[in-house]
Structures are given as structure tokens and as C-alpha cells.
Amino acid sequence: MRTSLAAVALAVGAAVTVASGPAASAATTGPVTLLSAPKTYLKLTAALGERARPAQRTATLVCDPAGGTHQRAGEACAALAAVDGDFGALHVDGGACTMQYDPVTVTATGLWKGKPVRWRHTFGNSCVLHTETGPVFAL
């Protein structure tokens, strides 16, 4: 199931329209709580080679609460929270990797706590990718 930010915004807009109609104003006596779009919504991709496309693996990551299509959403959100969403600062002490060059390119686009994210990096091989990013790109 794919949920885009536009679909979430449309649903929120519809809720505002319904909640602000004439019938709602007569029945409402206190503050109205509206659902908002997730503040962290990321599309993560992984592609073999030095180009980001075509992506062999893709996942969505939503945080607070953790979810989306990411298999390890809770762990990925925690890893990103530890570096305040700075993908370049991710580093998991996970062991040694071979020097074999078999590049993997990953991307992250979307929002981290409401701030736009557009990040891309090519790692020397999948071992280096997982050592550096831990659960974030375990798609």
C-alpha cells in the first residue's frame, strides 16, 4: 500500500472542511483536534551500482509512531533520531568489510520532523552500507 503526502494532505483537508461546516460549529463547544500529516515520512531506495535508478528495493518510513512499509521501522527511526535525521552522520559499529567494489546507491527523500530531506550516497558494497547505516536501509 502506497500513501503519498498529497493523499494525506487531501484527507486532512477533507477533515477540516467537514469539521468546519455549519453543523460542526453549532455542536462544537471546545477545541477541535485535527489529524495531521506525519512529520517524518521518508521514501528510502537502494539500487545496485552507482546510479539511484532503477531501485531494486524501496520502502516508506514513518516515525512517531514508527510504521510504513519498512521492515525494521522502529529500529530505523531510533537510529535516525540518534543523529537528528542527519543521514551522513549515521555510523553503526558493526565490524569489518572487504575492499571488494560492488557499489550500492541509496536515497532518502521526504520529511524528517517536518524538514525536507533529499539525500543520496553510493557505498562501496552492501557490507559497508549496512555497517554505516544499520537498520535504516535494511529494506
N, C-alpha and C. Protein backbone atom coordinates (compact mmCIF):
# COMPACT_ATOMS: atom_id res chain seq x y z
N MET A 1 0.84 -1.17 0.00
CA MET A 1 0.00 0.00 0.00
C MET A 1 0.89 1.23 0.00
N ARG A 2 0.66 2.13 -0.95
CA ARG A 2 1.45 3.34 -1.03
C ARG A 2 0.61 4.52 -0.61
N THR A 3 1.11 5.33 0.29
CA THR A 3 0.44 6.52 0.74
C THR A 3 1.34 7.70 0.43
N SER A 4 0.85 8.64 -0.36
CA SER A 4 1.66 9.80 -0.68
C SER A 4 1.30 10.94 0.25
N LEU A 5 2.21 11.91 0.34
CA LEU A 5 1.94 13.09 1.16
C LEU A 5 0.71 13.83 0.65
N ALA A 6 0.52 13.84 -0.68
CA ALA A 6 -0.64 14.51 -1.24
C ALA A 6 -1.94 13.86 -0.77
N ALA A 7 -1.96 12.52 -0.70
CA ALA A 7 -3.16 11.82 -0.24
C ALA A 7 -3.43 12.13 1.23
N VAL A 8 -2.39 12.18 2.04
CA VAL A 8 -2.56 12.50 3.45
C VAL A 8 -3.07 13.93 3.59
N ALA A 9 -2.48 14.86 2.81
CA ALA A 9 -2.91 16.26 2.87
C ALA A 9 -4.37 16.40 2.43
N LEU A 10 -4.77 15.65 1.40
CA LEU A 10 -6.14 15.68 0.93
C LEU A 10 -7.09 15.20 2.02
N ALA A 11 -6.72 14.13 2.70
CA ALA A 11 -7.56 13.60 3.78
C ALA A 11 -7.67 14.59 4.92
N VAL A 12 -6.57 15.25 5.26
CA VAL A 12 -6.59 16.25 6.33
C VAL A 12 -7.46 17.44 5.91
N GLY A 13 -7.34 17.85 4.64
CA GLY A 13 -8.16 18.95 4.14
C GLY A 13 -9.64 18.62 4.19
N ALA A 14 -9.99 17.39 3.85
CA ALA A 14 -11.39 16.96 3.92
C ALA A 14 -11.88 16.97 5.36
N ALA A 15 -11.04 16.55 6.28
CA ALA A 15 -11.44 16.55 7.70
C ALA A 15 -11.67 17.97 8.19
N VAL A 16 -10.85 18.92 7.75
CA VAL A 16 -11.02 20.32 8.15
C VAL A 16 -12.32 20.86 7.58
N THR A 17 -12.62 20.54 6.32
CA THR A 17 -13.85 21.01 5.70
C THR A 17 -15.06 20.47 6.43
N VAL A 18 -15.06 19.18 6.74
CA VAL A 18 -16.20 18.58 7.45
C VAL A 18 -16.32 19.17 8.85
N ALA A 19 -15.19 19.33 9.55
CA ALA A 19 -15.23 19.82 10.92
C ALA A 19 -15.56 21.29 11.01
N SER A 20 -15.43 22.03 9.90
CA SER A 20 -15.68 23.46 9.98
C SER A 20 -17.01 23.87 9.35
N GLY A 21 -17.84 22.92 8.96
CA GLY A 21 -19.14 23.22 8.36
C GLY A 21 -20.10 23.80 9.39
N PRO A 22 -21.29 24.29 8.95
CA PRO A 22 -22.25 24.92 9.85
C PRO A 22 -22.71 24.00 10.97
N ALA A 23 -22.91 22.72 10.67
CA ALA A 23 -23.37 21.79 11.71
C ALA A 23 -22.30 21.60 12.77
N ALA A 24 -21.07 21.59 12.37
CA ALA A 24 -19.97 21.38 13.31
C ALA A 24 -19.84 22.56 14.27
N SER A 25 -20.04 23.79 13.78
CA SER A 25 -19.87 24.95 14.65
C SER A 25 -20.95 25.00 15.73
N ALA A 26 -22.15 24.51 15.42
CA ALA A 26 -23.21 24.50 16.42
C ALA A 26 -22.96 23.45 17.49
N ALA A 27 -22.36 22.32 17.09
CA ALA A 27 -22.16 21.23 18.02
C ALA A 27 -20.85 21.32 18.79
N THR A 28 -19.89 22.09 18.32
CA THR A 28 -18.57 22.15 18.93
C THR A 28 -18.56 23.17 20.07
N THR A 29 -18.14 22.72 21.24
CA THR A 29 -18.06 23.62 22.37
C THR A 29 -16.63 23.81 22.86
N GLY A 30 -15.71 22.98 22.40
CA GLY A 30 -14.32 23.07 22.83
C GLY A 30 -13.40 23.03 21.63
N PRO A 31 -12.10 22.95 21.91
CA PRO A 31 -11.13 22.92 20.80
C PRO A 31 -11.30 21.65 19.97
N VAL A 32 -11.07 21.78 18.68
CA VAL A 32 -11.19 20.67 17.76
C VAL A 32 -9.79 20.13 17.49
N THR A 33 -9.58 18.84 17.66
CA THR A 33 -8.30 18.21 17.38
C THR A 33 -8.36 17.60 16.00
N LEU A 34 -7.45 18.03 15.12
CA LEU A 34 -7.40 17.52 13.76
C LEU A 34 -6.21 16.59 13.60
N LEU A 35 -6.39 15.58 12.79
CA LEU A 35 -5.27 14.70 12.47
C LEU A 35 -4.33 15.46 11.54
N SER A 36 -3.05 15.32 11.74
CA SER A 36 -2.10 15.99 10.87
C SER A 36 -1.26 14.97 10.13
N ALA A 37 -0.66 15.41 9.03
CA ALA A 37 0.22 14.54 8.26
C ALA A 37 1.43 14.18 9.12
N PRO A 38 2.00 13.01 8.90
CA PRO A 38 3.17 12.63 9.70
C PRO A 38 4.31 13.62 9.48
N LYS A 39 4.99 13.97 10.56
CA LYS A 39 6.10 14.91 10.45
C LYS A 39 7.33 14.24 9.88
N THR A 40 7.41 12.91 10.00
CA THR A 40 8.51 12.16 9.39
C THR A 40 7.91 11.14 8.45
N TYR A 41 8.17 11.35 7.18
CA TYR A 41 7.70 10.45 6.13
C TYR A 41 8.81 10.40 5.09
N LEU A 42 9.47 9.26 4.96
CA LEU A 42 10.61 9.13 4.07
C LEU A 42 10.41 7.99 3.09
N LYS A 43 10.82 8.21 1.86
CA LYS A 43 10.89 7.14 0.87
C LYS A 43 12.37 6.77 0.77
N LEU A 44 12.68 5.51 1.04
CA LEU A 44 14.04 5.02 1.01
C LEU A 44 14.19 4.05 -0.16
N THR A 45 15.30 4.18 -0.91
CA THR A 45 15.54 3.28 -2.03
C THR A 45 16.97 2.75 -1.98
N ALA A 46 17.18 1.60 -2.58
CA ALA A 46 18.50 1.02 -2.74
C ALA A 46 18.61 0.46 -4.15
N ALA A 47 19.73 0.79 -4.82
CA ALA A 47 19.95 0.34 -6.19
C ALA A 47 21.37 -0.21 -6.32
N LEU A 48 21.51 -1.27 -7.08
CA LEU A 48 22.83 -1.81 -7.35
C LEU A 48 23.54 -0.91 -8.34
N GLY A 49 24.81 -0.61 -8.07
CA GLY A 49 25.58 0.24 -8.96
C GLY A 49 25.71 1.66 -8.44
N GLU A 50 26.22 2.53 -9.30
CA GLU A 50 26.49 3.91 -8.90
C GLU A 50 25.35 4.87 -9.23
N ARG A 51 24.27 4.35 -9.73
CA ARG A 51 23.09 5.18 -10.04
C ARG A 51 21.95 4.81 -9.11
N ALA A 52 21.11 5.78 -8.84
CA ALA A 52 19.99 5.56 -7.92
C ALA A 52 18.83 4.81 -8.57
N ARG A 53 18.85 4.70 -9.89
CA ARG A 53 17.77 4.03 -10.60
C ARG A 53 18.32 3.03 -11.58
N PRO A 54 17.64 1.96 -11.81
CA PRO A 54 16.39 1.57 -11.16
C PRO A 54 16.64 1.01 -9.76
N ALA A 55 15.75 1.35 -8.86
CA ALA A 55 15.87 0.87 -7.47
C ALA A 55 15.39 -0.58 -7.39
N GLN A 56 16.21 -1.42 -6.78
CA GLN A 56 15.81 -2.81 -6.58
C GLN A 56 14.95 -2.97 -5.33
N ARG A 57 15.14 -2.09 -4.35
CA ARG A 57 14.36 -2.15 -3.12
C ARG A 57 13.88 -0.74 -2.76
N THR A 58 12.65 -0.67 -2.26
CA THR A 58 12.04 0.61 -1.87
C THR A 58 11.20 0.37 -0.62
N ALA A 59 11.19 1.36 0.26
CA ALA A 59 10.32 1.28 1.45
C ALA A 59 9.95 2.69 1.89
N THR A 60 8.83 2.80 2.58
CA THR A 60 8.47 4.06 3.21
C THR A 60 8.71 3.91 4.71
N LEU A 61 9.15 5.00 5.31
CA LEU A 61 9.42 5.01 6.74
C LEU A 61 8.68 6.19 7.35
N VAL A 62 7.82 5.88 8.31
CA VAL A 62 7.09 6.89 9.06
C VAL A 62 7.52 6.75 10.52
N CYS A 63 7.79 7.87 11.18
CA CYS A 63 8.19 7.82 12.58
C CYS A 63 7.20 8.59 13.45
N ASP A 64 7.13 8.22 14.72
CA ASP A 64 6.25 8.87 15.72
C ASP A 64 4.78 8.74 15.38
N PRO A 65 4.22 7.58 15.36
CA PRO A 65 4.78 6.28 15.69
C PRO A 65 5.44 5.66 14.46
N ALA A 66 6.33 4.72 14.71
CA ALA A 66 7.06 4.05 13.63
C ALA A 66 6.12 3.19 12.80
N GLY A 67 6.33 3.25 11.49
CA GLY A 67 5.49 2.46 10.60
C GLY A 67 5.93 2.61 9.16
N GLY A 68 5.00 2.43 8.25
CA GLY A 68 5.31 2.43 6.83
C GLY A 68 5.56 1.01 6.36
N THR A 69 6.20 0.87 5.21
CA THR A 69 6.48 -0.45 4.67
C THR A 69 7.86 -0.96 5.08
N HIS A 70 8.61 -0.17 5.80
CA HIS A 70 9.96 -0.56 6.24
C HIS A 70 9.88 -1.73 7.20
N GLN A 71 10.70 -2.78 6.97
CA GLN A 71 10.65 -4.00 7.79
C GLN A 71 11.11 -3.78 9.22
N ARG A 72 11.99 -2.82 9.44
CA ARG A 72 12.52 -2.56 10.78
C ARG A 72 12.30 -1.08 11.14
N ALA A 73 11.07 -0.63 10.99
CA ALA A 73 10.73 0.79 11.15
C ALA A 73 11.14 1.35 12.51
N GLY A 74 10.85 0.65 13.59
CA GLY A 74 11.19 1.14 14.92
C GLY A 74 12.68 1.36 15.10
N GLU A 75 13.47 0.38 14.66
CA GLU A 75 14.93 0.49 14.78
C GLU A 75 15.47 1.60 13.88
N ALA A 76 14.92 1.72 12.67
CA ALA A 76 15.37 2.75 11.73
C ALA A 76 15.06 4.15 12.27
N CYS A 77 13.87 4.32 12.83
CA CYS A 77 13.50 5.62 13.41
C CYS A 77 14.41 5.96 14.58
N ALA A 78 14.72 4.97 15.42
CA ALA A 78 15.61 5.21 16.56
C ALA A 78 17.01 5.59 16.11
N ALA A 79 17.52 4.92 15.07
CA ALA A 79 18.86 5.24 14.55
C ALA A 79 18.90 6.66 13.99
N LEU A 80 17.85 7.05 13.27
CA LEU A 80 17.80 8.41 12.72
C LEU A 80 17.62 9.45 13.82
N ALA A 81 16.83 9.12 14.83
CA ALA A 81 16.62 10.06 15.95
C ALA A 81 17.94 10.32 16.68
N ALA A 82 18.80 9.31 16.77
CA ALA A 82 20.08 9.45 17.47
C ALA A 82 21.00 10.45 16.77
N VAL A 83 20.80 10.67 15.46
CA VAL A 83 21.62 11.64 14.72
C VAL A 83 20.77 12.80 14.20
N ASP A 84 19.60 12.99 14.81
CA ASP A 84 18.66 14.06 14.45
C ASP A 84 18.38 14.10 12.95
N GLY A 85 18.21 12.92 12.35
CA GLY A 85 17.83 12.84 10.95
C GLY A 85 18.95 13.12 9.96
N ASP A 86 20.19 13.23 10.43
CA ASP A 86 21.33 13.51 9.55
C ASP A 86 21.87 12.18 9.01
N PHE A 87 21.47 11.82 7.80
CA PHE A 87 21.88 10.54 7.22
C PHE A 87 23.39 10.42 7.12
N GLY A 88 24.08 11.52 6.86
CA GLY A 88 25.53 11.50 6.75
C GLY A 88 26.22 11.20 8.07
N ALA A 89 25.54 11.39 9.18
CA ALA A 89 26.13 11.15 10.50
C ALA A 89 25.88 9.73 11.00
N LEU A 90 25.08 8.95 10.27
CA LEU A 90 24.83 7.57 10.68
C LEU A 90 26.14 6.79 10.65
N HIS A 91 26.41 6.04 11.69
CA HIS A 91 27.55 5.13 11.72
C HIS A 91 27.31 4.09 12.79
N VAL A 92 27.15 2.87 12.35
CA VAL A 92 26.91 1.77 13.27
C VAL A 92 28.21 0.99 13.36
N ASP A 93 28.71 0.81 14.57
CA ASP A 93 29.92 -0.01 14.74
C ASP A 93 29.52 -1.46 14.55
N GLY A 94 29.80 -1.98 13.37
CA GLY A 94 29.30 -3.31 13.09
C GLY A 94 30.32 -4.31 12.63
N GLY A 95 31.55 -3.92 12.43
CA GLY A 95 32.55 -4.89 12.01
C GLY A 95 33.29 -4.47 10.77
N ALA A 96 34.06 -5.39 10.25
CA ALA A 96 34.92 -5.12 9.10
C ALA A 96 34.27 -5.60 7.81
N CYS A 97 34.57 -4.91 6.72
CA CYS A 97 34.06 -5.28 5.41
C CYS A 97 35.23 -5.49 4.46
N THR A 98 35.01 -6.26 3.41
CA THR A 98 36.06 -6.46 2.40
C THR A 98 36.19 -5.20 1.57
N MET A 99 37.28 -5.12 0.82
CA MET A 99 37.52 -3.96 -0.05
C MET A 99 36.92 -4.18 -1.44
N GLN A 100 36.14 -5.22 -1.62
CA GLN A 100 35.52 -5.51 -2.91
C GLN A 100 34.63 -4.35 -3.32
N TYR A 101 34.78 -3.89 -4.57
CA TYR A 101 33.95 -2.79 -5.06
C TYR A 101 32.75 -3.36 -5.81
N ASP A 102 31.60 -3.27 -5.18
CA ASP A 102 30.33 -3.72 -5.73
C ASP A 102 29.29 -2.70 -5.25
N PRO A 103 29.30 -1.50 -5.86
CA PRO A 103 28.57 -0.35 -5.31
C PRO A 103 27.06 -0.54 -5.15
N VAL A 104 26.56 0.13 -4.12
CA VAL A 104 25.13 0.20 -3.83
C VAL A 104 24.82 1.67 -3.58
N THR A 105 23.82 2.20 -4.28
CA THR A 105 23.42 3.60 -4.11
C THR A 105 22.08 3.66 -3.41
N VAL A 106 22.01 4.46 -2.36
CA VAL A 106 20.77 4.60 -1.60
C VAL A 106 20.31 6.05 -1.63
N THR A 107 19.00 6.24 -1.51
CA THR A 107 18.44 7.58 -1.45
C THR A 107 17.41 7.66 -0.33
N ALA A 108 17.23 8.87 0.16
CA ALA A 108 16.17 9.16 1.13
C ALA A 108 15.55 10.49 0.72
N THR A 109 14.25 10.50 0.52
CA THR A 109 13.55 11.74 0.19
C THR A 109 12.27 11.81 1.02
N GLY A 110 11.89 13.02 1.38
CA GLY A 110 10.67 13.22 2.16
C GLY A 110 10.87 14.25 3.23
N LEU A 111 10.36 13.95 4.43
CA LEU A 111 10.43 14.88 5.56
C LEU A 111 10.98 14.19 6.79
N TRP A 112 11.84 14.88 7.52
CA TRP A 112 12.29 14.43 8.84
C TRP A 112 11.87 15.50 9.83
N LYS A 113 10.93 15.19 10.72
CA LYS A 113 10.39 16.14 11.69
C LYS A 113 9.99 17.45 11.01
N GLY A 114 9.35 17.32 9.85
CA GLY A 114 8.84 18.46 9.11
C GLY A 114 9.84 19.15 8.21
N LYS A 115 11.11 18.77 8.25
CA LYS A 115 12.14 19.39 7.41
C LYS A 115 12.38 18.53 6.17
N PRO A 116 12.51 19.18 5.00
CA PRO A 116 12.73 18.42 3.76
C PRO A 116 14.05 17.64 3.79
N VAL A 117 14.01 16.43 3.26
CA VAL A 117 15.19 15.58 3.17
C VAL A 117 15.35 15.16 1.72
N ARG A 118 16.57 15.27 1.23
CA ARG A 118 16.94 14.76 -0.09
C ARG A 118 18.39 14.33 0.02
N TRP A 119 18.62 13.04 0.19
CA TRP A 119 19.96 12.52 0.45
C TRP A 119 20.24 11.34 -0.45
N ARG A 120 21.46 11.27 -0.95
CA ARG A 120 21.88 10.17 -1.83
C ARG A 120 23.34 9.86 -1.54
N HIS A 121 23.66 8.57 -1.50
CA HIS A 121 25.06 8.19 -1.27
C HIS A 121 25.32 6.83 -1.90
N THR A 122 26.53 6.68 -2.46
CA THR A 122 26.95 5.40 -3.01
C THR A 122 27.98 4.79 -2.07
N PHE A 123 27.71 3.58 -1.62
CA PHE A 123 28.62 2.84 -0.74
C PHE A 123 29.39 1.82 -1.57
N GLY A 124 30.60 1.49 -1.15
CA GLY A 124 31.46 0.57 -1.89
C GLY A 124 30.89 -0.82 -2.07
N ASN A 125 30.11 -1.28 -1.11
CA ASN A 125 29.43 -2.57 -1.21
C ASN A 125 28.35 -2.63 -0.14
N SER A 126 27.54 -3.67 -0.17
CA SER A 126 26.41 -3.75 0.76
C SER A 126 26.86 -3.89 2.21
N CYS A 127 28.02 -4.50 2.44
CA CYS A 127 28.53 -4.61 3.81
C CYS A 127 28.81 -3.22 4.39
N VAL A 128 29.46 -2.37 3.61
CA VAL A 128 29.76 -1.01 4.06
C VAL A 128 28.45 -0.25 4.29
N LEU A 129 27.49 -0.42 3.39
CA LEU A 129 26.17 0.20 3.56
C LEU A 129 25.57 -0.15 4.91
N HIS A 130 25.53 -1.43 5.24
CA HIS A 130 24.89 -1.85 6.49
C HIS A 130 25.72 -1.48 7.72
N THR A 131 27.06 -1.46 7.58
CA THR A 131 27.91 -1.05 8.70
C THR A 131 27.70 0.43 9.01
N GLU A 132 27.53 1.23 7.97
CA GLU A 132 27.36 2.67 8.16
C GLU A 132 25.93 3.06 8.56
N THR A 133 24.93 2.42 7.98
CA THR A 133 23.55 2.88 8.18
C THR A 133 22.70 1.98 9.07
N GLY A 134 23.23 0.81 9.44
CA GLY A 134 22.48 -0.08 10.33
C GLY A 134 21.11 -0.43 9.77
N PRO A 135 20.05 -0.27 10.56
CA PRO A 135 18.73 -0.69 10.13
C PRO A 135 18.05 0.26 9.16
N VAL A 136 18.59 1.45 8.95
CA VAL A 136 17.90 2.46 8.14
C VAL A 136 17.65 1.96 6.71
N PHE A 137 18.66 1.39 6.08
CA PHE A 137 18.49 0.90 4.71
C PHE A 137 18.40 -0.63 4.66
N ALA A 138 17.93 -1.24 5.73
CA ALA A 138 17.65 -2.68 5.74
C ALA A 138 16.25 -2.86 5.15
N LEU A 139 16.18 -2.65 3.86
CA LEU A 139 14.89 -2.65 3.17
C LEU A 139 14.51 -4.06 2.77
